[in-house]
N, C-alpha and C. Protein backbone atom coordinates (compact mmCIF):
# COMPACT_ATOMS: atom_id res chain seq x y z
N MET A 1 8.05 13.32 -7.13
CA MET A 1 6.74 13.79 -6.76
C MET A 1 5.79 12.61 -6.64
N THR A 2 4.70 12.83 -5.93
CA THR A 2 3.69 11.79 -5.78
C THR A 2 2.32 12.36 -6.07
N LYS A 3 1.40 11.46 -6.32
CA LYS A 3 0.00 11.82 -6.45
C LYS A 3 -0.78 11.00 -5.44
N LEU A 4 -1.55 11.66 -4.62
CA LEU A 4 -2.31 11.02 -3.56
C LEU A 4 -3.66 10.54 -4.09
N TYR A 5 -3.97 9.25 -3.92
CA TYR A 5 -5.22 8.69 -4.41
C TYR A 5 -6.14 8.23 -3.28
N ARG A 6 -5.60 7.45 -2.36
CA ARG A 6 -6.40 6.86 -1.27
C ARG A 6 -7.64 6.15 -1.80
N SER A 7 -7.43 5.31 -2.79
CA SER A 7 -8.55 4.57 -3.38
C SER A 7 -8.46 3.09 -3.02
N PRO A 8 -9.60 2.45 -2.76
CA PRO A 8 -9.58 1.03 -2.44
C PRO A 8 -9.18 0.19 -3.65
N VAL A 9 -8.41 -0.87 -3.38
CA VAL A 9 -7.97 -1.77 -4.44
C VAL A 9 -8.13 -3.21 -3.97
N GLN A 10 -8.21 -4.10 -4.93
CA GLN A 10 -8.26 -5.54 -4.65
C GLN A 10 -6.83 -6.05 -4.65
N VAL A 11 -6.43 -6.75 -3.57
CA VAL A 11 -5.04 -7.20 -3.42
C VAL A 11 -5.00 -8.70 -3.21
N GLU A 12 -4.04 -9.37 -3.86
CA GLU A 12 -3.74 -10.77 -3.59
C GLU A 12 -2.43 -10.83 -2.84
N LEU A 13 -2.37 -11.66 -1.79
CA LEU A 13 -1.18 -11.77 -0.94
C LEU A 13 -0.38 -13.01 -1.28
N ASP A 14 0.92 -12.95 -1.00
CA ASP A 14 1.78 -14.12 -1.19
C ASP A 14 1.83 -14.94 0.10
N ALA A 15 2.70 -15.92 0.18
CA ALA A 15 2.80 -16.79 1.36
C ALA A 15 3.25 -16.03 2.61
N ASN A 16 3.96 -14.91 2.43
CA ASN A 16 4.44 -14.11 3.56
C ASN A 16 3.45 -13.03 3.98
N LYS A 17 2.24 -13.08 3.42
CA LYS A 17 1.18 -12.10 3.72
C LYS A 17 1.54 -10.70 3.25
N GLN A 18 2.32 -10.60 2.18
CA GLN A 18 2.63 -9.32 1.57
C GLN A 18 1.95 -9.26 0.20
N PRO A 19 1.66 -8.05 -0.27
CA PRO A 19 1.00 -7.93 -1.56
C PRO A 19 1.81 -8.56 -2.70
N LYS A 20 1.11 -9.37 -3.50
CA LYS A 20 1.72 -10.03 -4.67
C LYS A 20 1.29 -9.33 -5.95
N ARG A 21 0.04 -8.92 -6.00
CA ARG A 21 -0.50 -8.16 -7.12
C ARG A 21 -1.76 -7.44 -6.66
N PHE A 22 -2.14 -6.39 -7.37
CA PHE A 22 -3.34 -5.65 -7.00
C PHE A 22 -4.05 -5.16 -8.25
N ARG A 23 -5.33 -4.89 -8.09
CA ARG A 23 -6.16 -4.44 -9.19
C ARG A 23 -6.58 -3.00 -8.92
N TRP A 24 -6.26 -2.13 -9.85
CA TRP A 24 -6.58 -0.72 -9.72
C TRP A 24 -7.08 -0.20 -11.05
N LEU A 25 -8.23 0.44 -11.03
CA LEU A 25 -8.86 0.99 -12.24
C LEU A 25 -9.04 -0.06 -13.33
N GLY A 26 -9.42 -1.28 -12.90
CA GLY A 26 -9.72 -2.36 -13.83
C GLY A 26 -8.52 -3.08 -14.40
N ARG A 27 -7.33 -2.79 -13.90
CA ARG A 27 -6.11 -3.41 -14.43
C ARG A 27 -5.32 -4.05 -13.29
N TRP A 28 -4.79 -5.26 -13.55
CA TRP A 28 -3.97 -5.95 -12.56
C TRP A 28 -2.52 -5.52 -12.70
N TYR A 29 -1.87 -5.26 -11.56
CA TYR A 29 -0.45 -4.91 -11.50
C TYR A 29 0.27 -5.97 -10.69
N ARG A 30 1.25 -6.64 -11.31
CA ARG A 30 2.06 -7.65 -10.61
C ARG A 30 3.24 -6.96 -9.94
N ILE A 31 3.46 -7.30 -8.67
CA ILE A 31 4.50 -6.66 -7.87
C ILE A 31 5.75 -7.53 -7.88
N PHE A 32 6.91 -6.92 -8.18
CA PHE A 32 8.15 -7.69 -8.11
C PHE A 32 9.00 -7.29 -6.90
N ASN A 33 8.75 -6.14 -6.30
CA ASN A 33 9.48 -5.73 -5.11
C ASN A 33 8.53 -5.00 -4.18
N CYS A 34 8.48 -5.46 -2.93
CA CYS A 34 7.57 -4.87 -1.96
C CYS A 34 8.26 -4.86 -0.60
N ALA A 35 8.35 -3.70 0.02
CA ALA A 35 9.02 -3.57 1.31
C ALA A 35 8.17 -2.76 2.26
N VAL A 36 8.28 -3.08 3.54
CA VAL A 36 7.56 -2.31 4.56
C VAL A 36 8.18 -0.93 4.62
N TYR A 37 7.32 0.08 4.60
CA TYR A 37 7.77 1.46 4.61
C TYR A 37 7.16 2.14 5.82
N GLU A 38 7.99 2.70 6.67
CA GLU A 38 7.51 3.38 7.87
C GLU A 38 7.75 4.87 7.75
N GLU A 39 6.67 5.64 7.79
CA GLU A 39 6.80 7.08 7.78
C GLU A 39 7.12 7.55 9.19
N ALA A 40 7.80 8.65 9.27
CA ALA A 40 8.07 9.23 10.59
C ALA A 40 6.76 9.78 11.15
N GLN A 41 6.47 9.41 12.38
CA GLN A 41 5.27 9.92 13.02
C GLN A 41 5.62 10.30 14.45
N TYR A 42 4.82 11.19 14.99
CA TYR A 42 5.07 11.64 16.35
C TYR A 42 4.83 10.50 17.33
N TRP A 43 5.63 10.44 18.37
CA TRP A 43 5.54 9.34 19.34
C TRP A 43 4.17 9.28 19.99
N TRP A 44 3.54 10.42 20.21
CA TRP A 44 2.25 10.43 20.91
C TRP A 44 1.11 9.95 20.02
N SER A 45 1.27 10.02 18.69
CA SER A 45 0.19 9.58 17.81
C SER A 45 0.04 8.06 17.82
N ARG A 46 1.08 7.33 18.22
CA ARG A 46 1.00 5.87 18.29
C ARG A 46 0.07 5.42 19.41
N PHE A 47 -0.09 6.22 20.43
CA PHE A 47 -0.98 5.87 21.54
C PHE A 47 -2.44 6.12 21.19
N ARG A 48 -2.71 7.13 20.41
CA ARG A 48 -4.08 7.44 20.04
C ARG A 48 -4.60 6.50 18.96
N GLU A 49 -3.93 6.51 17.84
CA GLU A 49 -4.37 5.74 16.68
C GLU A 49 -3.14 5.26 15.93
N PRO A 50 -2.73 4.02 16.13
CA PRO A 50 -1.51 3.55 15.44
C PRO A 50 -1.68 3.56 13.92
N GLU A 51 -0.62 3.93 13.26
CA GLU A 51 -0.63 3.96 11.80
C GLU A 51 -0.60 2.53 11.25
N PRO A 52 -1.30 2.29 10.15
CA PRO A 52 -1.23 0.95 9.53
C PRO A 52 0.14 0.74 8.89
N VAL A 53 0.50 -0.51 8.68
CA VAL A 53 1.75 -0.85 8.01
C VAL A 53 1.62 -0.51 6.53
N ARG A 54 2.57 0.25 6.04
CA ARG A 54 2.55 0.64 4.63
C ARG A 54 3.60 -0.15 3.87
N TYR A 55 3.27 -0.47 2.63
CA TYR A 55 4.17 -1.20 1.75
C TYR A 55 4.52 -0.32 0.56
N ARG A 56 5.80 -0.16 0.28
CA ARG A 56 6.24 0.52 -0.93
C ARG A 56 6.46 -0.57 -1.96
N CYS A 57 5.70 -0.52 -3.03
CA CYS A 57 5.70 -1.59 -4.02
C CYS A 57 6.12 -1.08 -5.39
N GLU A 58 6.88 -1.92 -6.10
CA GLU A 58 7.25 -1.66 -7.49
C GLU A 58 6.65 -2.77 -8.35
N THR A 59 6.02 -2.39 -9.43
CA THR A 59 5.36 -3.37 -10.29
C THR A 59 6.18 -3.61 -11.55
N TYR A 60 5.87 -4.70 -12.24
CA TYR A 60 6.51 -5.01 -13.51
C TYR A 60 6.17 -3.97 -14.57
N GLN A 61 5.05 -3.29 -14.41
CA GLN A 61 4.64 -2.26 -15.37
C GLN A 61 5.33 -0.93 -15.12
N GLY A 62 6.18 -0.82 -14.08
CA GLY A 62 6.90 0.41 -13.81
C GLY A 62 6.24 1.35 -12.83
N LEU A 63 5.18 0.92 -12.19
CA LEU A 63 4.47 1.74 -11.21
C LEU A 63 5.09 1.57 -9.83
N VAL A 64 5.37 2.67 -9.14
CA VAL A 64 5.85 2.65 -7.76
C VAL A 64 4.76 3.28 -6.91
N CYS A 65 4.29 2.54 -5.90
CA CYS A 65 3.15 3.02 -5.12
C CYS A 65 3.25 2.58 -3.67
N ASP A 66 2.41 3.18 -2.84
CA ASP A 66 2.30 2.81 -1.43
C ASP A 66 0.92 2.20 -1.20
N LEU A 67 0.90 1.00 -0.59
CA LEU A 67 -0.33 0.31 -0.24
C LEU A 67 -0.38 0.11 1.26
N TYR A 68 -1.58 0.13 1.82
CA TYR A 68 -1.75 -0.24 3.22
C TYR A 68 -3.12 -0.88 3.42
N TYR A 69 -3.23 -1.64 4.52
CA TYR A 69 -4.48 -2.33 4.84
C TYR A 69 -5.21 -1.56 5.93
N GLU A 70 -6.41 -1.11 5.64
CA GLU A 70 -7.24 -0.38 6.60
C GLU A 70 -8.13 -1.39 7.31
N LYS A 71 -7.89 -1.59 8.60
CA LYS A 71 -8.59 -2.63 9.36
C LYS A 71 -10.07 -2.35 9.55
N ALA A 72 -10.44 -1.10 9.78
CA ALA A 72 -11.83 -0.78 10.10
C ALA A 72 -12.79 -1.24 9.00
N PRO A 73 -12.62 -0.80 7.74
CA PRO A 73 -13.51 -1.34 6.72
C PRO A 73 -13.04 -2.67 6.15
N GLY A 74 -11.78 -3.05 6.43
CA GLY A 74 -11.26 -4.32 5.93
C GLY A 74 -10.87 -4.30 4.46
N THR A 75 -10.30 -3.18 4.00
CA THR A 75 -9.91 -3.07 2.60
C THR A 75 -8.47 -2.58 2.47
N TRP A 76 -7.87 -2.90 1.34
CA TRP A 76 -6.56 -2.39 0.99
C TRP A 76 -6.75 -1.05 0.29
N ILE A 77 -5.83 -0.14 0.56
CA ILE A 77 -5.90 1.20 0.01
C ILE A 77 -4.62 1.51 -0.77
N LEU A 78 -4.79 1.99 -2.00
CA LEU A 78 -3.67 2.53 -2.76
C LEU A 78 -3.56 4.00 -2.34
N GLU A 79 -2.54 4.28 -1.53
CA GLU A 79 -2.44 5.63 -0.96
C GLU A 79 -1.86 6.63 -1.95
N ARG A 80 -0.71 6.29 -2.53
CA ARG A 80 -0.08 7.24 -3.43
C ARG A 80 0.71 6.51 -4.51
N VAL A 81 0.93 7.23 -5.62
CA VAL A 81 1.72 6.73 -6.74
C VAL A 81 2.88 7.70 -6.93
N TRP A 82 4.08 7.15 -7.06
CA TRP A 82 5.30 7.95 -7.23
C TRP A 82 5.63 8.12 -8.69
N ASP A 83 6.18 9.28 -9.02
CA ASP A 83 6.63 9.55 -10.39
C ASP A 83 7.99 8.94 -10.63
């Protein structure tokens, strides 16, 4: 199961421009595994509004979450946390 948050977070990137750690609710989470995650979307939605690249991240603290970068406001978003 997941819990949907969609809350802005502060993210630090590594040399490959992928999330290295992020700050959520006043606490820093260090990421040890981060992979690009693509959700299935309808082919026609890519022409209207392309989906941002999502990252499925696992932290040293045991948190598994999805992060993405929202270009319009220029912030990283913690979309969901997995159980």
